[in-house]
């Protein structure tokens, strides 16, 4: 069976992600993909990326958050295996991220099961002015953008 252009792109990016994983000490491809995307598509530097990634148990479906010019950017990343290269973002993941966004910005919400990075970001945002937000769902070959 011939190799598709998507498989070629996937394999090239996978090599790049492996080097990011080694350099940054990330335990999985998804974090390395988040790092790559935030650096090359958003324009953040390595230090900023380290500050905005909140991925892990207790992230409420949010992998990265940053504030720029009073606009809050929220990201969820999905990096598939080569076998599931065309897997789309599932509805349950979208709902989880929306609930996570509520937990992040609602000061009344108790974040008892949140990880340390989520709690730190919530505390940081408590005193910040946010006039706009966008929620970004990023898959390897798919992109969903929701803005307000």
Protein backbone atom coordinates (compact mmCIF):
# COMPACT_ATOMS: atom_id res chain seq x y z
CA UNK A 1 0.00 0.00 0.00
CA UNK A 2 1.45 3.41 -0.93
CA UNK A 3 2.41 5.91 1.74
CA UNK A 4 0.10 8.91 1.83
CA UNK A 5 1.26 12.51 2.14
CA UNK A 6 -0.28 12.55 5.63
CA UNK A 7 1.90 9.64 6.68
CA UNK A 8 4.97 11.44 5.32
CA UNK A 9 4.07 14.61 7.28
CA UNK A 10 3.29 12.56 10.36
CA UNK A 11 6.62 10.74 10.30
CA UNK A 12 8.60 13.96 9.78
CA UNK A 13 6.79 15.67 12.64
CA UNK A 14 7.16 12.56 14.82
CA UNK A 15 10.96 12.79 14.42
CA UNK A 16 10.84 16.46 15.46
CA UNK A 17 8.62 15.61 18.44
CA UNK A 18 11.01 12.89 19.58
CA UNK A 19 13.84 15.42 19.74
CA UNK A 20 11.58 17.88 21.66
CA UNK A 21 10.61 15.08 24.06
CA UNK A 22 14.27 14.27 24.70
CA UNK A 23 15.30 17.92 25.11
CA UNK A 24 12.38 19.00 27.31
CA UNK A 25 11.86 15.73 29.19
CA UNK A 26 8.22 15.34 28.13
CA UNK A 27 6.69 11.92 28.87
CA UNK A 28 4.52 11.77 25.72
CA UNK A 29 4.06 12.94 22.15
CA UNK A 30 1.07 15.08 23.05
CA UNK A 31 3.14 17.42 25.23
CA UNK A 32 5.87 17.60 22.61
CA UNK A 33 3.20 18.38 19.99
CA UNK A 34 1.82 21.16 22.22
CA UNK A 35 5.35 22.56 22.59
CA UNK A 36 5.98 22.42 18.83
CA UNK A 37 2.64 24.05 18.01
CA UNK A 38 2.98 26.84 20.58
CA UNK A 39 6.49 27.61 19.34
CA UNK A 40 5.99 27.41 15.60
CA UNK A 41 2.36 28.36 15.13
CA UNK A 42 1.75 30.75 18.04
CA UNK A 43 5.27 32.19 18.37
CA UNK A 44 5.94 31.55 22.06
CA UNK A 45 9.51 30.93 23.24
CA UNK A 46 10.59 27.90 25.31
CA UNK A 47 10.26 29.75 28.64
CA UNK A 48 6.75 30.99 27.82
CA UNK A 49 5.76 27.51 26.72
CA UNK A 50 6.91 26.08 30.05
CA UNK A 51 4.72 28.60 31.84
CA UNK A 52 1.54 28.05 29.81
CA UNK A 53 1.37 24.24 29.54
CA UNK A 54 -0.90 22.82 32.25
CA UNK A 55 -1.43 19.37 30.69
CA UNK A 56 -1.62 16.31 32.95
CA UNK A 57 -3.96 14.67 35.43
CA UNK A 58 -6.27 17.34 36.80
CA UNK A 59 -6.04 19.68 33.79
CA UNK A 60 -9.83 19.61 33.22
CA UNK A 61 -9.32 19.06 29.50
CA UNK A 62 -7.09 22.09 29.05
CA UNK A 63 -3.51 21.56 27.89
CA UNK A 64 -2.27 25.15 27.65
CA UNK A 65 -3.47 28.66 28.57
CA UNK A 66 -1.95 32.04 27.98
CA UNK A 67 -3.06 35.64 28.22
CA UNK A 68 -2.01 38.18 25.59
CA UNK A 69 -3.38 41.72 25.34
CA UNK A 70 -6.35 40.86 27.60
CA UNK A 71 -7.27 37.93 25.36
CA UNK A 72 -7.23 34.48 26.93
CA UNK A 73 -6.07 31.64 24.66
CA UNK A 74 -7.05 28.11 25.73
CA UNK A 75 -5.75 25.00 23.95
CA UNK A 76 -6.44 21.31 23.86
CA UNK A 77 -4.03 19.21 21.78
CA UNK A 78 -4.48 15.74 20.31
CA UNK A 79 -1.58 13.98 18.64
CA UNK A 80 -2.73 10.66 17.17
CA UNK A 81 -0.83 7.47 16.67
CA UNK A 82 0.06 6.73 13.05
CA UNK A 83 -2.60 4.01 13.08
CA UNK A 84 -5.27 6.60 14.06
CA UNK A 85 -3.84 9.46 12.01
CA UNK A 86 -7.26 10.80 10.95
CA UNK A 87 -8.90 10.60 14.37
CA UNK A 88 -11.05 13.64 15.06
CA UNK A 89 -11.67 15.50 18.29
CA UNK A 90 -14.45 13.79 20.18
CA UNK A 91 -17.51 15.56 21.53
CA UNK A 92 -16.67 14.44 25.07
CA UNK A 93 -13.28 16.15 24.83
CA UNK A 94 -14.94 19.39 23.74
CA UNK A 95 -17.41 19.26 26.62
CA UNK A 96 -14.62 18.51 29.10
CA UNK A 97 -12.66 21.54 27.87
CA UNK A 98 -15.71 23.82 28.14
CA UNK A 99 -16.26 22.63 31.72
CA UNK A 100 -12.55 23.15 32.38
CA UNK A 101 -12.77 26.67 31.01
CA UNK A 102 -15.62 27.39 33.44
CA UNK A 103 -13.53 26.01 36.29
CA UNK A 104 -10.58 28.14 35.21
CA UNK A 105 -12.37 31.49 35.02
CA UNK A 106 -15.12 31.13 37.64
CA UNK A 107 -13.74 32.31 40.99
CA UNK A 108 -16.56 30.51 42.84
CA UNK A 109 -15.49 27.15 41.41
CA UNK A 110 -13.42 25.04 43.81
CA UNK A 111 -10.61 23.31 41.96
CA UNK A 112 -10.13 20.39 44.35
CA UNK A 113 -9.04 17.85 41.73
CA UNK A 114 -7.00 20.27 39.65
CA UNK A 115 -3.28 19.84 39.13
CA UNK A 116 -0.77 22.39 40.44
CA UNK A 117 -0.33 24.06 37.05
CA UNK A 118 -4.09 24.50 36.63
CA UNK A 119 -4.40 25.99 40.12
CA UNK A 120 -1.45 28.32 39.51
CA UNK A 121 -2.98 29.54 36.24
CA UNK A 122 -6.35 30.05 37.93
CA UNK A 123 -4.66 32.11 40.66
CA UNK A 124 -2.75 34.14 38.08
CA UNK A 125 -5.92 34.91 36.11
CA UNK A 126 -7.86 35.93 39.23
CA UNK A 127 -6.53 39.51 39.10
CA UNK A 128 -6.08 39.82 35.34
CA UNK A 129 -8.41 41.64 32.97
CA UNK A 130 -9.79 39.36 30.27
CA UNK A 131 -11.97 40.92 27.58
CA UNK A 132 -11.90 38.14 25.01
CA UNK A 133 -11.14 34.45 24.89
CA UNK A 134 -10.66 31.73 22.36
CA UNK A 135 -10.68 27.98 22.78
CA UNK A 136 -8.56 26.05 20.30
CA UNK A 137 -8.79 22.31 19.63
CA UNK A 138 -5.69 21.19 17.79
CA UNK A 139 -5.33 17.81 16.09
CA UNK A 140 -2.57 16.96 13.68
CA UNK A 141 -4.64 17.52 10.54
CA UNK A 142 -7.67 19.18 12.09
CA UNK A 143 -8.23 22.52 13.79
CA UNK A 144 -11.32 23.87 15.56
CA UNK A 145 -11.36 27.46 16.79
CA UNK A 146 -14.04 28.93 19.06
CA UNK A 147 -13.90 32.60 19.97
CA UNK A 148 -15.87 35.17 21.90
